[in-house]
PDB file of N, CA and C in Angstrom:
ATOM      1  N   UNK A   1     -14.561   6.434 -23.114  1.00  0.00           N
ATOM      2  CA  UNK A   1     -14.961   6.050 -21.364  1.00  0.00           C
ATOM      3  C   UNK A   1     -13.712   7.415 -20.922  1.00  0.00           C
ATOM      4  N   UNK A   2     -14.394   7.342 -19.888  1.00  0.00           N
ATOM      5  CA  UNK A   2     -13.542   8.848 -19.330  1.00  0.00           C
ATOM      6  C   UNK A   2     -13.428   8.356 -18.145  1.00  0.00           C
ATOM      7  N   UNK A   3     -12.028   8.249 -17.387  1.00  0.00           N
ATOM      8  CA  UNK A   3     -11.663   7.831 -16.000  1.00  0.00           C
ATOM      9  C   UNK A   3     -12.002   8.633 -14.983  1.00  0.00           C
ATOM     10  N   UNK A   4     -12.783   8.188 -13.594  1.00  0.00           N
ATOM     11  CA  UNK A   4     -13.240   8.844 -12.521  1.00  0.00           C
ATOM     12  C   UNK A   4     -12.124  10.459 -12.068  1.00  0.00           C
ATOM     13  N   UNK A   5     -12.546  10.942 -11.204  1.00  0.00           N
ATOM     14  CA  UNK A   5     -11.416  11.681 -11.066  1.00  0.00           C
ATOM     15  C   UNK A   5     -11.917  11.928  -9.424  1.00  0.00           C
ATOM     16  N   UNK A   6     -10.652  11.621  -8.818  1.00  0.00           N
ATOM     17  CA  UNK A   6     -10.690  11.902  -7.146  1.00  0.00           C
ATOM     18  C   UNK A   6     -10.073  13.486  -6.792  1.00  0.00           C
ATOM     19  N   UNK A   7     -10.002  14.006  -5.659  1.00  0.00           N
ATOM     20  CA  UNK A   7      -9.059  15.093  -5.557  1.00  0.00           C
ATOM     21  C   UNK A   7      -8.310  14.510  -4.039  1.00  0.00           C
ATOM     22  N   UNK A   8      -7.287  14.755  -4.271  1.00  0.00           N
ATOM     23  CA  UNK A   8      -6.042  14.540  -3.076  1.00  0.00           C
ATOM     24  C   UNK A   8      -5.595  15.896  -2.689  1.00  0.00           C
ATOM     25  N   UNK A   9      -6.072  15.985  -1.391  1.00  0.00           N
ATOM     26  CA  UNK A   9      -5.145  17.503  -0.947  1.00  0.00           C
ATOM     27  C   UNK A   9      -3.634  17.136  -1.032  1.00  0.00           C
ATOM     28  N   UNK A  10      -2.810  18.298  -1.432  1.00  0.00           N
ATOM     29  CA  UNK A  10      -1.826  17.989  -1.782  1.00  0.00           C
ATOM     30  C   UNK A  10      -0.708  19.255  -0.831  1.00  0.00           C
ATOM     31  N   UNK A  11       0.552  19.325  -0.996  1.00  0.00           N
ATOM     32  CA  UNK A  11       1.423  20.453   0.341  1.00  0.00           C
ATOM     33  C   UNK A  11       1.671  21.570  -1.261  1.00  0.00           C
ATOM     34  N   UNK A  12       1.196  23.316  -1.596  1.00  0.00           N
ATOM     35  CA  UNK A  12       1.442  23.776  -2.368  1.00  0.00           C
ATOM     36  C   UNK A  12       2.573  23.480  -3.079  1.00  0.00           C
ATOM     37  N   UNK A  13       3.790  23.142  -2.843  1.00  0.00           N
ATOM     38  CA  UNK A  13       4.600  23.419  -3.643  1.00  0.00           C
ATOM     39  C   UNK A  13       4.427  22.158  -4.284  1.00  0.00           C
ATOM     40  N   UNK A  14       3.993  21.051  -4.046  1.00  0.00           N
ATOM     41  CA  UNK A  14       3.731  19.313  -4.641  1.00  0.00           C
ATOM     42  C   UNK A  14       2.869  19.947  -5.824  1.00  0.00           C
ATOM     43  N   UNK A  15       1.902  20.483  -5.444  1.00  0.00           N
ATOM     44  CA  UNK A  15       0.460  20.868  -6.200  1.00  0.00           C
ATOM     45  C   UNK A  15       0.967  21.698  -7.248  1.00  0.00           C
ATOM     46  N   UNK A  16       1.607  22.731  -7.507  1.00  0.00           N
ATOM     47  CA  UNK A  16       2.135  23.649  -8.392  1.00  0.00           C
ATOM     48  C   UNK A  16       2.687  22.915  -9.174  1.00  0.00           C
ATOM     49  N   UNK A  17       4.239  21.827  -8.351  1.00  0.00           N
ATOM     50  CA  UNK A  17       4.435  21.279  -9.756  1.00  0.00           C
ATOM     51  C   UNK A  17       4.035  20.416 -10.424  1.00  0.00           C
ATOM     52  N   UNK A  18       3.057  19.875  -9.887  1.00  0.00           N
ATOM     53  CA  UNK A  18       1.759  19.098 -11.073  1.00  0.00           C
ATOM     54  C   UNK A  18       0.982  19.921 -12.159  1.00  0.00           C
ATOM     55  N   UNK A  19       0.432  21.186 -11.311  1.00  0.00           N
ATOM     56  CA  UNK A  19       0.011  21.999 -12.720  1.00  0.00           C
ATOM     57  C   UNK A  19       1.165  22.107 -13.587  1.00  0.00           C
ATOM     58  N   UNK A  20       2.183  22.407 -13.449  1.00  0.00           N
ATOM     59  CA  UNK A  20       3.171  23.447 -14.424  1.00  0.00           C
ATOM     60  C   UNK A  20       3.749  22.260 -15.067  1.00  0.00           C
ATOM     61  N   UNK A  21       3.091  20.984 -14.789  1.00  0.00           N
ATOM     62  CA  UNK A  21       3.904  19.469 -15.887  1.00  0.00           C
ATOM     63  C   UNK A  21       3.012  19.193 -16.845  1.00  0.00           C
ATOM     64  N   UNK A  22       4.248  18.549 -17.759  1.00  0.00           N
ATOM     65  CA  UNK A  22       3.180  18.621 -19.009  1.00  0.00           C
ATOM     66  C   UNK A  22       2.364  17.366 -19.295  1.00  0.00           C
ATOM     67  N   UNK A  23       1.460  17.179 -20.148  1.00  0.00           N
ATOM     68  CA  UNK A  23       0.162  16.354 -20.073  1.00  0.00           C
ATOM     69  C   UNK A  23       0.867  14.885 -19.844  1.00  0.00           C
ATOM     70  N   UNK A  24       1.903  14.822 -20.626  1.00  0.00           N
ATOM     71  CA  UNK A  24       2.307  13.814 -20.614  1.00  0.00           C
ATOM     72  C   UNK A  24       3.361  13.147 -19.305  1.00  0.00           C
ATOM     73  N   UNK A  25       3.765  14.032 -18.569  1.00  0.00           N
ATOM     74  CA  UNK A  25       4.056  14.103 -17.275  1.00  0.00           C
ATOM     75  C   UNK A  25       3.194  13.319 -16.248  1.00  0.00           C
ATOM     76  N   UNK A  26       1.803  14.307 -16.335  1.00  0.00           N
ATOM     77  CA  UNK A  26       0.849  14.204 -15.472  1.00  0.00           C
ATOM     78  C   UNK A  26       0.622  12.721 -15.901  1.00  0.00           C
ATOM     79  N   UNK A  27       0.380  12.200 -16.715  1.00  0.00           N
ATOM     80  CA  UNK A  27      -0.205  10.867 -17.413  1.00  0.00           C
ATOM     81  C   UNK A  27       0.841   9.719 -16.416  1.00  0.00           C
ATOM     82  N   UNK A  28       2.246  10.472 -16.403  1.00  0.00           N
ATOM     83  CA  UNK A  28       2.836   9.367 -16.145  1.00  0.00           C
ATOM     84  C   UNK A  28       2.590   9.157 -14.211  1.00  0.00           C
ATOM     85  N   UNK A  29       2.592  10.654 -14.351  1.00  0.00           N
ATOM     86  CA  UNK A  29       2.156  10.317 -12.585  1.00  0.00           C
ATOM     87  C   UNK A  29       1.182   9.740 -12.092  1.00  0.00           C
ATOM     88  N   UNK A  30      -0.059  10.549 -12.637  1.00  0.00           N
ATOM     89  CA  UNK A  30      -0.987   9.473 -12.468  1.00  0.00           C
ATOM     90  C   UNK A  30      -1.074   7.999 -12.506  1.00  0.00           C
ATOM     91  N   UNK A  31      -0.560   7.076 -13.167  1.00  0.00           N
ATOM     92  CA  UNK A  31      -0.682   6.177 -13.689  1.00  0.00           C
ATOM     93  C   UNK A  31       0.354   5.783 -12.706  1.00  0.00           C
ATOM     94  N   UNK A  32       1.312   6.055 -11.571  1.00  0.00           N
ATOM     95  CA  UNK A  32       2.126   5.521 -10.719  1.00  0.00           C
ATOM     96  C   UNK A  32       1.437   6.192  -9.095  1.00  0.00           C
ATOM     97  N   UNK A  33       0.649   7.302  -8.940  1.00  0.00           N
ATOM     98  CA  UNK A  33      -0.148   7.357  -8.214  1.00  0.00           C
ATOM     99  C   UNK A  33      -1.177   5.970  -8.055  1.00  0.00           C
ATOM    100  N   UNK A  34      -2.240   5.974  -9.408  1.00  0.00           N
ATOM    101  CA  UNK A  34      -3.150   4.704  -9.305  1.00  0.00           C
ATOM    102  C   UNK A  34      -2.533   3.463  -9.323  1.00  0.00           C
ATOM    103  N   UNK A  35      -1.339   2.915  -9.891  1.00  0.00           N
ATOM    104  CA  UNK A  35      -0.515   1.999  -9.083  1.00  0.00           C
ATOM    105  C   UNK A  35      -0.285   1.784  -7.310  1.00  0.00           C
ATOM    106  N   UNK A  36      -0.219   2.689  -6.976  1.00  0.00           N
ATOM    107  CA  UNK A  36       0.205   2.402  -5.653  1.00  0.00           C
ATOM    108  C   UNK A  36      -0.926   2.375  -4.885  1.00  0.00           C
ATOM    109  N   UNK A  37      -1.928   3.159  -4.992  1.00  0.00           N
ATOM    110  CA  UNK A  37      -3.074   3.397  -4.585  1.00  0.00           C
ATOM    111  C   UNK A  37      -4.123   2.464  -4.614  1.00  0.00           C
ATOM    112  N   UNK A  38      -3.809   1.910  -5.561  1.00  0.00           N
ATOM    113  CA  UNK A  38      -4.628   0.078  -5.598  1.00  0.00           C
ATOM    114  C   UNK A  38      -4.301  -1.061  -5.204  1.00  0.00           C
ATOM    115  N   UNK A  39      -2.819  -0.898  -5.119  1.00  0.00           N
ATOM    116  CA  UNK A  39      -1.996  -2.381  -3.669  1.00  0.00           C
ATOM    117  C   UNK A  39      -1.746  -1.251  -2.972  1.00  0.00           C
ATOM    118  N   UNK A  40      -1.985   0.118  -2.039  1.00  0.00           N
ATOM    119  CA  UNK A  40      -2.430  -0.134  -0.973  1.00  0.00           C
ATOM    120  C   UNK A  40      -3.474  -0.620  -0.780  1.00  0.00           C
ATOM    121  N   UNK A  41      -4.428   0.076  -0.761  1.00  0.00           N
ATOM    122  CA  UNK A  41      -5.986  -0.202  -0.593  1.00  0.00           C
ATOM    123  C   UNK A  41      -6.503  -1.379  -0.487  1.00  0.00           C
ATOM    124  N   UNK A  42      -5.611  -2.147  -1.473  1.00  0.00           N
ATOM    125  CA  UNK A  42      -6.302  -4.089  -1.709  1.00  0.00           C
ATOM    126  C   UNK A  42      -5.894  -4.239  -0.596  1.00  0.00           C
ATOM    127  N   UNK A  43      -5.390  -3.784   0.267  1.00  0.00           N
ATOM    128  CA  UNK A  43      -4.765  -4.244   1.863  1.00  0.00           C
ATOM    129  C   UNK A  43      -3.182  -5.472   1.497  1.00  0.00           C
ATOM    130  N   UNK A  44      -2.907  -5.087   0.434  1.00  0.00           N
ATOM    131  CA  UNK A  44      -1.562  -6.537   0.529  1.00  0.00           C
ATOM    132  C   UNK A  44      -0.748  -6.369   2.141  1.00  0.00           C
ATOM    133  N   UNK A  45      -0.479  -7.582   2.264  1.00  0.00           N
ATOM    134  CA  UNK A  45       0.477  -7.369   3.750  1.00  0.00           C
ATOM    135  C   UNK A  45       1.550  -7.776   2.795  1.00  0.00           C
ATOM    136  N   UNK A  46       2.507  -6.721   1.984  1.00  0.00           N
ATOM    137  CA  UNK A  46       3.787  -6.154   1.644  1.00  0.00           C
ATOM    138  C   UNK A  46       4.247  -4.887   2.275  1.00  0.00           C
ATOM    139  N   UNK A  47       5.811  -5.345   2.388  1.00  0.00           N
ATOM    140  CA  UNK A  47       5.796  -3.971   3.223  1.00  0.00           C
ATOM    141  C   UNK A  47       5.962  -2.738   2.209  1.00  0.00           C
ATOM    142  N   UNK A  48       6.247  -1.614   2.738  1.00  0.00           N
ATOM    143  CA  UNK A  48       5.660  -0.254   1.741  1.00  0.00           C
ATOM    144  C   UNK A  48       6.719  -0.502   1.020  1.00  0.00           C
ATOM    145  N   UNK A  49       8.408  -0.566   1.619  1.00  0.00           N
ATOM    146  CA  UNK A  49       9.355  -0.581   0.582  1.00  0.00           C
ATOM    147  C   UNK A  49       9.065  -1.358  -0.926  1.00  0.00           C
ATOM    148  N   UNK A  50       8.595  -1.995  -0.419  1.00  0.00           N
ATOM    149  CA  UNK A  50       7.895  -3.758  -2.107  1.00  0.00           C
ATOM    150  C   UNK A  50       7.080  -3.062  -2.141  1.00  0.00           C
ATOM    151  N   UNK A  51       6.670  -2.624  -2.287  1.00  0.00           N
ATOM    152  CA  UNK A  51       5.552  -1.850  -2.889  1.00  0.00           C
ATOM    153  C   UNK A  51       6.082  -0.166  -3.960  1.00  0.00           C
ATOM    154  N   UNK A  52       7.281   0.387  -2.974  1.00  0.00           N
ATOM    155  CA  UNK A  52       7.485   1.136  -3.722  1.00  0.00           C
ATOM    156  C   UNK A  52       8.601   1.124  -4.072  1.00  0.00           C
ATOM    157  N   UNK A  53       9.214  -0.153  -4.650  1.00  0.00           N
ATOM    158  CA  UNK A  53      10.579  -0.800  -5.315  1.00  0.00           C
ATOM    159  C   UNK A  53       9.580  -0.910  -6.503  1.00  0.00           C
ATOM    160  N   UNK A  54       8.490  -1.835  -6.025  1.00  0.00           N
ATOM    161  CA  UNK A  54       7.777  -2.275  -7.851  1.00  0.00           C
ATOM    162  C   UNK A  54       7.429  -1.386  -8.667  1.00  0.00           C
ATOM    163  N   UNK A  55       6.520  -0.316  -7.828  1.00  0.00           N
ATOM    164  CA  UNK A  55       5.939   1.292  -8.477  1.00  0.00           C
ATOM    165  C   UNK A  55       7.233   1.978  -9.268  1.00  0.00           C
ATOM    166  N   UNK A  56       8.071   1.871  -8.748  1.00  0.00           N
ATOM    167  CA  UNK A  56       9.494   2.355  -8.975  1.00  0.00           C
ATOM    168  C   UNK A  56       9.633   1.959 -10.861  1.00  0.00           C
ATOM    169  N   UNK A  57       9.324   0.189 -10.230  1.00  0.00           N
ATOM    170  CA  UNK A  57      10.178  -0.339 -11.391  1.00  0.00           C
ATOM    171  C   UNK A  57       9.093   0.043 -12.714  1.00  0.00           C
ATOM    172  N   UNK A  58       7.722   0.105 -12.598  1.00  0.00           N
ATOM    173  CA  UNK A  58       7.132   0.136 -13.300  1.00  0.00           C
ATOM    174  C   UNK A  58       7.260   1.345 -14.332  1.00  0.00           C
ATOM    175  N   UNK A  59       6.746   2.509 -13.059  1.00  0.00           N
ATOM    176  CA  UNK A  59       7.010   3.627 -13.645  1.00  0.00           C
ATOM    177  C   UNK A  59       8.042   4.245 -14.339  1.00  0.00           C
ATOM    178  N   UNK A  60       9.416   3.569 -13.717  1.00  0.00           N
ATOM    179  CA  UNK A  60      10.708   3.971 -14.420  1.00  0.00           C
ATOM    180  C   UNK A  60       9.956   2.822 -16.436  1.00  0.00           C
ATOM    181  N   UNK A  61       9.813   1.503 -16.241  1.00  0.00           N
ATOM    182  CA  UNK A  61       9.434   1.365 -17.379  1.00  0.00           C
ATOM    183  C   UNK A  61       8.048   1.685 -18.525  1.00  0.00           C
ATOM    184  N   UNK A  62       7.753   3.157 -18.049  1.00  0.00           N
ATOM    185  CA  UNK A  62       6.585   3.494 -18.269  1.00  0.00           C
ATOM    186  C   UNK A  62       7.724   5.522 -18.777  1.00  0.00           C
ATOM    187  N   UNK A  63       8.667   5.408 -18.580  1.00  0.00           N
ATOM    188  CA  UNK A  63       9.301   6.813 -19.343  1.00  0.00           C
ATOM    189  C   UNK A  63       9.682   7.632 -17.969  1.00  0.00           C
ATOM    190  N   UNK A  64       9.601   7.788 -16.750  1.00  0.00           N
ATOM    191  CA  UNK A  64       9.673   8.447 -15.892  1.00  0.00           C
ATOM    192  C   UNK A  64      11.202   8.583 -14.939  1.00  0.00           C
ATOM    193  N   UNK A  65      11.631   9.112 -15.877  1.00  0.00           N
ATOM    194  CA  UNK A  65      13.442   9.643 -15.664  1.00  0.00           C
ATOM    195  C   UNK A  65      13.632   9.947 -13.998  1.00  0.00           C
ATOM    196  N   UNK A  66      14.775   9.647 -13.466  1.00  0.00           N
ATOM    197  CA  UNK A  66      15.679   9.595 -12.379  1.00  0.00           C
ATOM    198  C   UNK A  66      15.247  11.234 -11.641  1.00  0.00           C
ATOM    199  N   UNK A  67      15.432  11.512 -13.416  1.00  0.00           N
ATOM    200  CA  UNK A  67      15.370  13.391 -12.640  1.00  0.00           C
ATOM    201  C   UNK A  67      13.958  13.866 -12.231  1.00  0.00           C
ATOM    202  N   UNK A  68      12.866  13.357 -13.347  1.00  0.00           N
ATOM    203  CA  UNK A  68      11.969  13.731 -12.680  1.00  0.00           C
ATOM    204  C   UNK A  68      11.384  12.966 -11.629  1.00  0.00           C
ATOM    205  N   UNK A  69      12.039  12.305 -11.436  1.00  0.00           N
ATOM    206  CA  UNK A  69      11.413  11.565  -9.927  1.00  0.00           C
ATOM    207  C   UNK A  69      12.125  12.317  -8.455  1.00  0.00           C
ATOM    208  N   UNK A  70      13.397  12.833  -8.675  1.00  0.00           N
ATOM    209  CA  UNK A  70      14.041  13.821  -7.632  1.00  0.00           C
ATOM    210  C   UNK A  70      13.301  14.794  -8.055  1.00  0.00           C
ATOM    211  N   UNK A  71      12.892  15.384  -9.026  1.00  0.00           N
ATOM    212  CA  UNK A  71      12.042  16.584  -9.394  1.00  0.00           C
ATOM    213  C   UNK A  71      11.082  16.343  -8.323  1.00  0.00           C
ATOM    214  N   UNK A  72       9.773  15.353  -8.347  1.00  0.00           N
ATOM    215  CA  UNK A  72       9.383  15.411  -7.259  1.00  0.00           C
ATOM    216  C   UNK A  72       9.199  15.300  -5.710  1.00  0.00           C
ATOM    217  N   UNK A  73      10.392  14.382  -5.856  1.00  0.00           N
ATOM    218  CA  UNK A  73      10.595  14.415  -4.253  1.00  0.00           C
ATOM    219  C   UNK A  73      11.101  15.125  -3.824  1.00  0.00           C
ATOM    220  N   UNK A  74      11.597  16.864  -4.765  1.00  0.00           N
ATOM    221  CA  UNK A  74      12.209  17.460  -3.995  1.00  0.00           C
ATOM    222  C   UNK A  74      11.285  18.101  -3.206  1.00  0.00           C
ATOM    223  N   UNK A  75      10.058  18.801  -4.636  1.00  0.00           N
ATOM    224  CA  UNK A  75       8.732  19.058  -3.722  1.00  0.00           C
ATOM    225  C   UNK A  75       8.187  18.616  -2.287  1.00  0.00           C
ATOM    226  N   UNK A  76       8.424  17.875  -2.226  1.00  0.00           N
ATOM    227  CA  UNK A  76       7.617  16.879  -0.890  1.00  0.00           C
ATOM    228  C   UNK A  76       8.346  17.659   0.112  1.00  0.00           C
TER     229      UNK A  76
END
C-alpha cells in the first residue's frame, strides 16, 4: 500500500535541497515532517520547543545527523 501524498509550498532553496537529496535522506525528512505534522495537527497543548525536541530525538534515532540537520536549517 502506498502512502498518500500531499503538496507543501516551500522556499526555492529548501525545495532544491530536498529534490537533490538521496532517497534515504528524503525518507528521513518525510518521517520528521510526518511526526511533526501529526503532533501539531492533533492539537496537543505542549510547547512548540518540546515538540521540536522530541521530533529531533526521534529523527536522530532514525539516522538524521547533526550535519544533515544543519544543512536543512541553513537552507531555510
